[in-house]
Amino acid sequence: MALRLSMFRAMAKAAPKPKTGATRPTKASTAPAVQPPPPAAVPGPSYDQTQAGSGTSGGGIMYQILLGMGSMFGVILAINLVSRVLGPRRITVIHKDSEGRPL
């Protein structure tokens, strides 16, 4: 084992260093680049009290009820689809008493 380690160390010392493709920066390219200033911020729309109850706040109670019903309908359709793809369940349960006889 010791011979193997010394052989690997000798091979590692004799091998040339791999070229990674990274170049060292020259003195001319080490100067920091000047960045332009960021653009001016555009002010957003101001809040208006007349828009508070205009119906854009997420819908009313009927919207929520219909959304819930549609969601439940979609879940039922997905369960039916999975059941049809997997086919009928063919599990037969045989009940036996303590002596092993079927009931």
Protein backbone atom coordinates (compact mmCIF):
# COMPACT_ATOMS: atom_id res chain seq x y z
CA MET A 1 0.00 0.00 0.00
CA ALA A 2 2.81 2.39 0.84
CA LEU A 3 4.47 1.62 -2.47
CA ARG A 4 1.28 2.46 -4.31
CA LEU A 5 0.93 5.81 -2.54
CA SER A 6 4.51 6.78 -3.26
CA MET A 7 4.07 5.76 -6.90
CA PHE A 8 0.93 7.92 -7.21
CA ARG A 9 2.71 10.85 -5.57
CA ALA A 10 5.60 10.53 -7.98
CA MET A 11 3.23 10.42 -10.93
CA ALA A 12 1.37 13.48 -9.64
CA LYS A 13 4.59 15.47 -9.27
CA ALA A 14 5.81 14.52 -12.74
CA ALA A 15 2.53 15.29 -14.51
CA PRO A 16 2.15 18.74 -16.08
CA LYS A 17 -0.54 20.98 -14.66
CA PRO A 18 -3.81 20.84 -16.62
CA LYS A 19 -4.82 23.86 -18.65
CA THR A 20 -8.24 25.01 -17.50
CA GLY A 21 -8.67 27.65 -20.16
CA ALA A 22 -8.84 30.49 -17.63
CA THR A 23 -6.69 33.44 -18.61
CA ARG A 24 -5.04 35.77 -16.19
CA PRO A 25 -6.19 39.37 -16.46
CA THR A 26 -3.68 41.87 -17.77
CA LYS A 27 -3.04 45.20 -16.13
CA ALA A 28 -5.04 47.03 -18.79
CA SER A 29 -8.17 44.98 -18.20
CA THR A 30 -8.11 45.19 -14.39
CA ALA A 31 -9.54 48.73 -14.35
CA PRO A 32 -13.19 48.67 -13.20
CA ALA A 33 -15.73 49.40 -15.90
CA VAL A 34 -17.84 52.51 -15.47
CA GLN A 35 -21.51 51.63 -15.10
CA PRO A 36 -24.24 53.97 -16.28
CA PRO A 37 -26.62 55.24 -13.61
CA PRO A 38 -29.86 53.26 -13.13
CA PRO A 39 -32.96 54.55 -14.91
CA ALA A 40 -35.28 56.84 -13.03
CA ALA A 41 -38.13 55.13 -11.18
CA VAL A 42 -41.54 55.53 -12.79
CA PRO A 43 -44.24 56.30 -10.20
CA GLY A 44 -47.03 53.72 -10.03
CA PRO A 45 -50.72 54.47 -10.26
CA SER A 46 -52.10 56.25 -7.25
CA TYR A 47 -54.83 54.65 -5.12
CA ASP A 48 -58.24 56.09 -5.75
CA GLN A 49 -61.10 55.67 -3.26
CA THR A 50 -63.67 55.32 -6.05
CA GLN A 51 -61.96 52.13 -7.30
CA ALA A 52 -62.20 50.34 -3.95
CA GLY A 53 -65.56 48.64 -4.60
CA SER A 54 -65.42 48.34 -8.38
CA GLY A 55 -65.42 44.52 -8.41
CA THR A 56 -61.75 44.02 -9.19
CA SER A 57 -60.97 42.85 -5.67
CA GLY A 58 -61.45 39.10 -6.31
CA GLY A 59 -65.16 38.56 -6.89
CA GLY A 60 -68.14 38.16 -4.63
CA ILE A 61 -69.62 35.30 -2.65
CA MET A 62 -71.22 33.67 -5.72
CA TYR A 63 -67.87 33.59 -7.45
CA GLN A 64 -66.36 31.82 -4.46
CA ILE A 65 -69.22 29.29 -4.30
CA LEU A 66 -69.00 28.54 -8.02
CA LEU A 67 -65.24 28.22 -7.79
CA GLY A 68 -65.59 25.68 -4.97
CA MET A 69 -68.22 23.68 -6.85
CA GLY A 70 -66.09 23.64 -9.99
CA SER A 71 -63.11 22.48 -7.99
CA MET A 72 -65.06 19.60 -6.43
CA PHE A 73 -66.42 18.63 -9.85
CA GLY A 74 -62.88 18.54 -11.23
CA VAL A 75 -61.67 16.35 -8.36
CA ILE A 76 -64.53 13.88 -8.96
CA LEU A 77 -63.72 13.76 -12.69
CA ALA A 78 -60.04 13.13 -11.93
CA ILE A 79 -60.89 10.27 -9.52
CA ASN A 80 -63.21 8.70 -12.12
CA LEU A 81 -60.53 8.99 -14.81
CA VAL A 82 -57.93 7.30 -12.63
CA SER A 83 -60.39 4.54 -11.72
CA ARG A 84 -61.14 3.88 -15.38
CA VAL A 85 -57.47 3.83 -16.35
CA LEU A 86 -56.52 1.41 -13.58
CA GLY A 87 -59.52 -0.83 -14.20
CA PRO A 88 -61.70 -2.68 -11.72
CA ARG A 89 -60.18 -3.82 -8.46
CA ARG A 90 -59.98 -7.61 -8.39
CA ILE A 91 -59.40 -8.29 -4.73
CA THR A 92 -61.10 -11.32 -3.27
CA VAL A 93 -61.21 -11.58 0.48
CA ILE A 94 -61.82 -15.03 1.90
CA HIS A 95 -62.86 -14.97 5.51
CA LYS A 96 -61.78 -17.99 7.52
CA ASP A 97 -62.53 -19.07 11.04
CA SER A 98 -59.92 -20.04 13.64
CA GLU A 99 -59.64 -23.56 12.18
CA GLY A 100 -59.00 -22.36 8.63
CA ARG A 101 -62.41 -23.15 7.13
CA PRO A 102 -63.92 -20.54 4.80
CA LEU A 103 -67.02 -18.85 6.14
